[in-house]
Amino acid sequence: MNTELPGTVTIAYVHPNTVTEGFARSVFGACLWKPSNILGFASASNPRQTVARNAAIESFLQGPCEWLMWIDTDMTFYHDAIEKLLATAEKHEADAVSGLGFIYKRHLNEIIPNGYMWGEEENAFTEILDYASDNVYEIDGTGSGFVLINRRVFNAWPDKHWHRNWVKHPQTGQEMGHDLAFFYDMTQKLGMKLVWDTNVKTGHIKHMELTEANYRAYQETLA
């Protein structure tokens, strides 16, 4: 087994042949930023995204880095965003840290933030729609668009099926995406700590770039 290098990062992503210009520009900026603790990349491609994600995780675990940084290939971010997540993880003793991002729910024509809490009574994730900018929250779930995860999380898994191809979670019976299912297992089953740093802003390129400014503008239309 490779010797772990504390504070170092592997950037991981899927669909390596189809990245946006904004993703490439953001990654270049992060790698050129000094000091940068980014030592490598782990990428994979498969018709099943869960298979690709698990392959990228296995590749990461073969290397020496302490942290895996999931970044979807349609995300944009500032050059110092990863360093900020590392600092937040250390300060709050977190096992994983997500930056602030936004999701477009096409079927509902809604923009929502990427933070969720698990409700025992509801037996479901609840979206955090009202949050304070530049704050840190302990949450139960997020997406895999821009999240830093310590290798101890993957090592704590009972098998190598970190991301599964289920439609319904076998324990809850609830439908959820594979990334939310991963964080349900991490926070609710393994008792590990996920925090959400709303000071670390990202963009999500869809029909437009989903940003905090666009989310606030969308909220105003609902008032």
C-alpha atoms as a PDB file:
ATOM      1  CA  MET A   1       0.000   0.000   0.000  1.00  0.00           C
ATOM      2  CA  ASN A   2       1.244   3.482  -0.849  1.00  0.00           C
ATOM      3  CA  THR A   3       2.204   5.817   1.982  1.00  0.00           C
ATOM      4  CA  GLU A   4      -0.504   8.442   2.414  1.00  0.00           C
ATOM      5  CA  LEU A   5       0.605  12.037   1.918  1.00  0.00           C
ATOM      6  CA  PRO A   6      -1.436  14.281   4.269  1.00  0.00           C
ATOM      7  CA  GLY A   7      -3.259  17.205   2.720  1.00  0.00           C
ATOM      8  CA  THR A   8      -2.792  16.055  -0.873  1.00  0.00           C
ATOM      9  CA  VAL A   9      -5.572  15.851  -3.455  1.00  0.00           C
ATOM     10  CA  THR A  10      -6.495  13.740  -6.462  1.00  0.00           C
ATOM     11  CA  ILE A  11      -9.049  15.363  -8.777  1.00  0.00           C
ATOM     12  CA  ALA A  12     -11.548  12.748  -9.956  1.00  0.00           C
ATOM     13  CA  TYR A  13     -14.140  12.992 -12.709  1.00  0.00           C
ATOM     14  CA  VAL A  14     -16.107  10.848 -15.134  1.00  0.00           C
ATOM     15  CA  HIS A  15     -16.747  11.263 -18.888  1.00  0.00           C
ATOM     16  CA  PRO A  16     -13.156  12.476 -19.477  1.00  0.00           C
ATOM     17  CA  ASN A  17     -13.712  12.994 -23.227  1.00  0.00           C
ATOM     18  CA  THR A  18     -16.586  15.451 -22.820  1.00  0.00           C
ATOM     19  CA  VAL A  19     -15.587  18.303 -20.516  1.00  0.00           C
ATOM     20  CA  THR A  20     -16.779  21.892 -20.758  1.00  0.00           C
ATOM     21  CA  GLU A  21     -14.386  24.739 -21.436  1.00  0.00           C
ATOM     22  CA  GLY A  22     -15.256  26.157 -18.022  1.00  0.00           C
ATOM     23  CA  PHE A  23     -14.277  22.906 -16.301  1.00  0.00           C
ATOM     24  CA  ALA A  24     -10.935  22.764 -18.108  1.00  0.00           C
ATOM     25  CA  ARG A  25     -10.186  26.426 -17.374  1.00  0.00           C
ATOM     26  CA  SER A  26     -11.089  25.988 -13.693  1.00  0.00           C
ATOM     27  CA  VAL A  27      -8.945  22.872 -13.273  1.00  0.00           C
ATOM     28  CA  PHE A  28      -5.962  24.539 -14.953  1.00  0.00           C
ATOM     29  CA  GLY A  29      -6.347  27.509 -12.631  1.00  0.00           C
ATOM     30  CA  ALA A  30      -6.465  25.272  -9.554  1.00  0.00           C
ATOM     31  CA  CYS A  31      -3.355  23.356 -10.626  1.00  0.00           C
ATOM     32  CA  LEU A  32      -1.406  26.550 -11.277  1.00  0.00           C
ATOM     33  CA  TRP A  33      -2.492  28.136  -7.996  1.00  0.00           C
ATOM     34  CA  LYS A  34       0.301  28.178  -5.423  1.00  0.00           C
ATOM     35  CA  PRO A  35       0.321  26.579  -2.983  1.00  0.00           C
ATOM     36  CA  SER A  36      -1.512  23.699  -4.666  1.00  0.00           C
ATOM     37  CA  ASN A  37      -1.732  20.236  -3.108  1.00  0.00           C
ATOM     38  CA  ILE A  38      -3.126  18.606  -6.266  1.00  0.00           C
ATOM     39  CA  LEU A  39      -0.913  15.642  -7.132  1.00  0.00           C
ATOM     40  CA  GLY A  40      -2.917  13.719  -9.707  1.00  0.00           C
ATOM     41  CA  PHE A  41      -6.093  12.819 -11.561  1.00  0.00           C
ATOM     42  CA  ALA A  42      -8.424   9.809 -11.582  1.00  0.00           C
ATOM     43  CA  SER A  43     -10.932   9.557 -14.404  1.00  0.00           C
ATOM     44  CA  ALA A  44     -13.075   6.862 -15.949  1.00  0.00           C
ATOM     45  CA  SER A  45     -15.805   6.504 -18.554  1.00  0.00           C
ATOM     46  CA  ASN A  46     -18.597   3.955 -18.757  1.00  0.00           C
ATOM     47  CA  PRO A  47     -22.216   3.954 -19.970  1.00  0.00           C
ATOM     48  CA  ARG A  48     -23.108   3.434 -16.300  1.00  0.00           C
ATOM     49  CA  GLN A  49     -21.901   6.411 -14.315  1.00  0.00           C
ATOM     50  CA  THR A  50     -21.791   4.336 -11.136  1.00  0.00           C
ATOM     51  CA  VAL A  51     -19.273   1.958 -12.711  1.00  0.00           C
ATOM     52  CA  ALA A  52     -17.133   4.882 -13.833  1.00  0.00           C
ATOM     53  CA  ARG A  53     -17.231   6.483 -10.373  1.00  0.00           C
ATOM     54  CA  ASN A  54     -16.214   3.261  -8.641  1.00  0.00           C
ATOM     55  CA  ALA A  55     -13.357   2.767 -11.109  1.00  0.00           C
ATOM     56  CA  ALA A  56     -12.100   6.299 -10.434  1.00  0.00           C
ATOM     57  CA  ILE A  57     -12.251   5.685  -6.675  1.00  0.00           C
ATOM     58  CA  GLU A  58     -10.245   2.474  -7.020  1.00  0.00           C
ATOM     59  CA  SER A  59      -7.653   4.352  -9.059  1.00  0.00           C
ATOM     60  CA  PHE A  60      -7.462   7.058  -6.379  1.00  0.00           C
ATOM     61  CA  LEU A  61      -6.962   4.485  -3.627  1.00  0.00           C
ATOM     62  CA  GLN A  62      -3.937   3.084  -5.450  1.00  0.00           C
ATOM     63  CA  GLY A  63      -2.187   6.416  -5.100  1.00  0.00           C
ATOM     64  CA  PRO A  64      -0.816   8.327  -2.099  1.00  0.00           C
ATOM     65  CA  CYS A  65      -3.269  11.238  -1.840  1.00  0.00           C
ATOM     66  CA  GLU A  66      -5.334  11.761   1.300  1.00  0.00           C
ATOM     67  CA  TRP A  67      -8.292  13.436  -0.427  1.00  0.00           C
ATOM     68  CA  LEU A  68     -10.376  12.707  -3.518  1.00  0.00           C
ATOM     69  CA  MET A  69     -11.940  15.794  -5.116  1.00  0.00           C
ATOM     70  CA  TRP A  70     -15.002  14.915  -7.197  1.00  0.00           C
ATOM     71  CA  ILE A  71     -15.643  17.546  -9.870  1.00  0.00           C
ATOM     72  CA  ASP A  72     -18.318  17.041 -12.519  1.00  0.00           C
ATOM     73  CA  THR A  73     -17.159  18.032 -15.981  1.00  0.00           C
ATOM     74  CA  ASP A  74     -19.793  20.767 -16.309  1.00  0.00           C
ATOM     75  CA  MET A  75     -18.679  22.631 -13.169  1.00  0.00           C
ATOM     76  CA  THR A  76     -16.761  25.901 -12.831  1.00  0.00           C
ATOM     77  CA  PHE A  77     -14.963  27.192  -9.729  1.00  0.00           C
ATOM     78  CA  TYR A  78     -12.363  29.669  -8.496  1.00  0.00           C
ATOM     79  CA  HIS A  79      -8.669  28.766  -8.499  1.00  0.00           C
ATOM     80  CA  ASP A  80      -8.465  28.623  -4.683  1.00  0.00           C
ATOM     81  CA  ALA A  81     -11.708  26.680  -4.106  1.00  0.00           C
ATOM     82  CA  ILE A  82     -10.052  23.326  -3.394  1.00  0.00           C
ATOM     83  CA  GLU A  83      -7.623  24.885  -0.922  1.00  0.00           C
ATOM     84  CA  LYS A  84     -10.580  26.481   0.864  1.00  0.00           C
ATOM     85  CA  LEU A  85     -12.325  23.103   1.135  1.00  0.00           C
ATOM     86  CA  LEU A  86      -9.158  21.587   2.606  1.00  0.00           C
ATOM     87  CA  ALA A  87      -8.998  24.348   5.214  1.00  0.00           C
ATOM     88  CA  THR A  88     -12.684  23.854   6.069  1.00  0.00           C
ATOM     89  CA  ALA A  89     -12.202  20.109   6.425  1.00  0.00           C
ATOM     90  CA  GLU A  90      -9.326  20.628   8.845  1.00  0.00           C
ATOM     91  CA  LYS A  91     -11.084  23.313  10.879  1.00  0.00           C
ATOM     92  CA  HIS A  92     -14.333  21.353  11.249  1.00  0.00           C
ATOM     93  CA  GLU A  93     -12.763  17.874  11.404  1.00  0.00           C
ATOM     94  CA  ALA A  94     -14.919  16.780   8.494  1.00  0.00           C
ATOM     95  CA  ASP A  95     -14.736  13.559   6.515  1.00  0.00           C
ATOM     96  CA  ALA A  96     -16.100  15.321   3.426  1.00  0.00           C
ATOM     97  CA  VAL A  97     -16.755  18.929   2.394  1.00  0.00           C
ATOM     98  CA  SER A  98     -18.995  20.195  -0.392  1.00  0.00           C
ATOM     99  CA  GLY A  99     -18.841  23.586  -2.011  1.00  0.00           C
ATOM    100  CA  LEU A 100     -21.976  25.567  -2.798  1.00  0.00           C
ATOM    101  CA  GLY A 101     -23.535  24.491  -6.077  1.00  0.00           C
ATOM    102  CA  PHE A 102     -26.924  24.437  -7.769  1.00  0.00           C
ATOM    103  CA  ILE A 103     -29.027  21.845  -9.551  1.00  0.00           C
ATOM    104  CA  TYR A 104     -31.620  22.392 -12.260  1.00  0.00           C
ATOM    105  CA  LYS A 105     -34.685  20.181 -11.870  1.00  0.00           C
ATOM    106  CA  ARG A 106     -35.852  20.146 -15.462  1.00  0.00           C
ATOM    107  CA  HIS A 107     -39.194  18.441 -14.879  1.00  0.00           C
ATOM    108  CA  LEU A 108     -40.161  21.142 -12.354  1.00  0.00           C
ATOM    109  CA  ASN A 109     -38.225  24.046 -13.933  1.00  0.00           C
ATOM    110  CA  GLU A 110     -36.620  24.717 -10.539  1.00  0.00           C
ATOM    111  CA  ILE A 111     -33.147  25.689  -9.355  1.00  0.00           C
ATOM    112  CA  ILE A 112     -32.144  24.281  -5.956  1.00  0.00           C
ATOM    113  CA  PRO A 113     -28.929  24.320  -3.862  1.00  0.00           C
ATOM    114  CA  ASN A 114     -26.916  21.126  -3.451  1.00  0.00           C
ATOM    115  CA  GLY A 115     -27.427  20.653   0.316  1.00  0.00           C
ATOM    116  CA  TYR A 116     -29.808  18.138   1.914  1.00  0.00           C
ATOM    117  CA  MET A 117     -30.874  16.976   5.363  1.00  0.00           C
ATOM    118  CA  TRP A 118     -32.227  13.500   6.115  1.00  0.00           C
ATOM    119  CA  GLY A 119     -35.633  13.396   7.790  1.00  0.00           C
ATOM    120  CA  GLU A 120     -36.271  10.332   9.916  1.00  0.00           C
ATOM    121  CA  GLU A 121     -40.023  10.905  10.011  1.00  0.00           C
ATOM    122  CA  GLU A 122     -40.234  11.609   6.292  1.00  0.00           C
ATOM    123  CA  ASN A 123     -37.724   8.835   5.520  1.00  0.00           C
ATOM    124  CA  ALA A 124     -36.370  11.076   2.781  1.00  0.00           C
ATOM    125  CA  PHE A 125     -33.902  13.834   1.984  1.00  0.00           C
ATOM    126  CA  THR A 126     -35.130  17.418   2.332  1.00  0.00           C
ATOM    127  CA  GLU A 127     -33.630  20.194   0.211  1.00  0.00           C
ATOM    128  CA  ILE A 128     -32.023  23.123   2.059  1.00  0.00           C
ATOM    129  CA  LEU A 129     -33.537  26.052   0.176  1.00  0.00           C
ATOM    130  CA  ASP A 130     -32.799  28.774   2.724  1.00  0.00           C
ATOM    131  CA  TYR A 131     -29.147  29.101   3.676  1.00  0.00           C
ATOM    132  CA  ALA A 132     -26.751  31.871   4.665  1.00  0.00           C
ATOM    133  CA  SER A 133     -23.940  32.743   2.288  1.00  0.00           C
ATOM    134  CA  ASP A 134     -20.406  32.377   3.603  1.00  0.00           C
ATOM    135  CA  ASN A 135     -21.360  29.859   6.275  1.00  0.00           C
ATOM    136  CA  VAL A 136     -20.583  26.230   7.116  1.00  0.00           C
ATOM    137  CA  TYR A 137     -23.306  23.685   7.850  1.00  0.00           C
ATOM    138  CA  GLU A 138     -23.198  20.035   8.847  1.00  0.00           C
ATOM    139  CA  ILE A 139     -25.513  18.294   6.388  1.00  0.00           C
ATOM    140  CA  ASP A 140     -26.557  14.758   5.464  1.00  0.00           C
ATOM    141  CA  GLY A 141     -26.347  14.724   1.694  1.00  0.00           C
ATOM    142  CA  THR A 142     -25.092  16.482  -1.416  1.00  0.00           C
ATOM    143  CA  GLY A 143     -24.336  15.731  -5.035  1.00  0.00           C
ATOM    144  CA  SER A 144     -20.986  14.678  -6.453  1.00  0.00           C
ATOM    145  CA  GLY A 145     -20.506  17.844  -8.486  1.00  0.00           C
ATOM    146  CA  PHE A 146     -17.897  19.500  -6.258  1.00  0.00           C
ATOM    147  CA  VAL A 147     -17.068  17.616  -3.080  1.00  0.00           C
ATOM    148  CA  LEU A 148     -13.846  16.734  -1.259  1.00  0.00           C
ATOM    149  CA  ILE A 149     -13.789  13.283   0.404  1.00  0.00           C
ATOM    150  CA  ASN A 150     -11.125  11.785   2.661  1.00  0.00           C
ATOM    151  CA  ARG A 151      -9.821   8.322   1.788  1.00  0.00           C
ATOM    152  CA  ARG A 152     -10.907   7.046   5.226  1.00  0.00           C
ATOM    153  CA  VAL A 153     -14.500   7.287   3.971  1.00  0.00           C
ATOM    154  CA  PHE A 154     -13.874   4.851   1.118  1.00  0.00           C
ATOM    155  CA  ASN A 155     -11.788   2.577   3.352  1.00  0.00           C
ATOM    156  CA  ALA A 156     -14.669   2.368   5.839  1.00  0.00           C
ATOM    157  CA  TRP A 157     -17.011   0.919   3.177  1.00  0.00           C
ATOM    158  CA  PRO A 158     -17.851  -2.764   3.678  1.00  0.00           C
ATOM    159  CA  ASP A 159     -17.224  -3.454  -0.025  1.00  0.00           C
ATOM    160  CA  LYS A 160     -16.071  -1.630  -3.156  1.00  0.00           C
ATOM    161  CA  HIS A 161     -19.600  -0.760  -4.293  1.00  0.00           C
ATOM    162  CA  TRP A 162     -19.431   2.846  -3.182  1.00  0.00           C
ATOM    163  CA  HIS A 163     -21.877   3.871  -5.914  1.00  0.00           C
ATOM    164  CA  ARG A 164     -24.638   1.399  -6.726  1.00  0.00           C
ATOM    165  CA  ASN A 165     -27.028   0.971  -9.628  1.00  0.00           C
ATOM    166  CA  TRP A 166     -30.189   0.955  -7.557  1.00  0.00           C
ATOM    167  CA  VAL A 167     -33.356   2.897  -8.209  1.00  0.00           C
ATOM    168  CA  LYS A 168     -34.547   2.528  -4.618  1.00  0.00           C
ATOM    169  CA  HIS A 169     -32.218   2.509  -1.646  1.00  0.00           C
ATOM    170  CA  PRO A 170     -32.386  -0.975  -0.111  1.00  0.00           C
ATOM    171  CA  GLN A 171     -32.547   0.285   3.477  1.00  0.00           C
ATOM    172  CA  THR A 172     -34.940   3.212   3.064  1.00  0.00           C
ATOM    173  CA  GLY A 173     -37.015   2.095   0.098  1.00  0.00           C
ATOM    174  CA  GLN A 174     -36.656   5.652  -1.233  1.00  0.00           C
ATOM    175  CA  GLU A 175     -35.720   6.580  -4.765  1.00  0.00           C
ATOM    176  CA  MET A 176     -32.510   8.622  -4.837  1.00  0.00           C
ATOM    177  CA  GLY A 177     -29.603   9.208  -7.163  1.00  0.00           C
ATOM    178  CA  HIS A 178     -26.444   7.197  -6.638  1.00  0.00           C
ATOM    179  CA  ASP A 179     -24.598  10.213  -5.216  1.00  0.00           C
ATOM    180  CA  LEU A 180     -27.259  10.949  -2.587  1.00  0.00           C
ATOM    181  CA  ALA A 181     -27.352   7.232  -1.778  1.00  0.00           C
ATOM    182  CA  PHE A 182     -23.575   7.349  -1.246  1.00  0.00           C
ATOM    183  CA  PHE A 183     -23.892  10.212   1.229  1.00  0.00           C
ATOM    184  CA  TYR A 184     -26.845   8.567   2.975  1.00  0.00           C
ATOM    185  CA  ASP A 185     -24.617   5.551   3.619  1.00  0.00           C
ATOM    186  CA  MET A 186     -21.724   7.781   4.670  1.00  0.00           C
ATOM    187  CA  THR A 187     -23.609  10.006   7.125  1.00  0.00           C
ATOM    188  CA  GLN A 188     -26.470   7.808   8.334  1.00  0.00           C
ATOM    189  CA  LYS A 189     -24.958   4.305   8.276  1.00  0.00           C
ATOM    190  CA  LEU A 190     -21.270   5.022   8.892  1.00  0.00           C
ATOM    191  CA  GLY A 191     -21.810   8.127  11.053  1.00  0.00           C
ATOM    192  CA  MET A 192     -19.238  10.205   9.184  1.00  0.00           C
ATOM    193  CA  LYS A 193     -19.272  13.994   8.957  1.00  0.00           C
ATOM    194  CA  LEU A 194     -20.226  15.935   5.826  1.00  0.00           C
ATOM    195  CA  VAL A 195     -20.111  19.733   5.860  1.00  0.00           C
ATOM    196  CA  TRP A 196     -21.312  22.290   3.335  1.00  0.00           C
ATOM    197  CA  ASP A 197     -19.203  25.414   2.868  1.00  0.00           C
ATOM    198  CA  THR A 198     -21.375  28.062   1.214  1.00  0.00           C
ATOM    199  CA  ASN A 199     -18.366  30.376   1.025  1.00  0.00           C
ATOM    200  CA  VAL A 200     -16.916  28.162  -1.741  1.00  0.00           C
ATOM    201  CA  LYS A 201     -18.969  29.130  -4.809  1.00  0.00           C
ATOM    202  CA  THR A 202     -19.260  27.083  -7.975  1.00  0.00           C
ATOM    203  CA  GLY A 203     -21.059  27.330 -11.298  1.00  0.00           C
ATOM    204  CA  HIS A 204     -22.983  24.493 -12.973  1.00  0.00           C
ATOM    205  CA  ILE A 205     -23.242  24.756 -16.752  1.00  0.00           C
ATOM    206  CA  LYS A 206     -26.658  23.682 -18.039  1.00  0.00           C
ATOM    207  CA  HIS A 207     -28.911  25.774 -20.325  1.00  0.00           C
ATOM    208  CA  MET A 208     -27.183  28.626 -18.487  1.00  0.00           C
ATOM    209  CA  GLU A 209     -24.511  28.715 -15.780  1.00  0.00           C
ATOM    210  CA  LEU A 210     -26.245  28.007 -12.490  1.00  0.00           C
ATOM    211  CA  THR A 211     -24.689  30.273  -9.869  1.00  0.00           C
ATOM    212  CA  GLU A 212     -25.691  31.767  -6.536  1.00  0.00           C
ATOM    213  CA  ALA A 213     -26.644  35.017  -8.277  1.00  0.00           C
ATOM    214  CA  ASN A 214     -28.961  33.142 -10.630  1.00  0.00           C
ATOM    215  CA  TYR A 215     -30.465  31.218  -7.720  1.00  0.00           C
ATOM    216  CA  ARG A 216     -31.215  34.436  -5.838  1.00  0.00           C
ATOM    217  CA  ALA A 217     -32.790  35.907  -8.980  1.00  0.00           C
ATOM    218  CA  TYR A 218     -34.902  32.776  -9.378  1.00  0.00           C
ATOM    219  CA  GLN A 219     -36.054  33.048  -5.744  1.00  0.00           C
ATOM    220  CA  GLU A 220     -37.184  36.621  -6.363  1.00  0.00           C
ATOM    221  CA  THR A 221     -39.509  35.400  -9.107  1.00  0.00           C
ATOM    222  CA  LEU A 222     -41.218  33.168  -6.534  1.00  0.00           C
ATOM    223  CA  ALA A 223     -41.759  35.943  -3.962  1.00  0.00           C
END
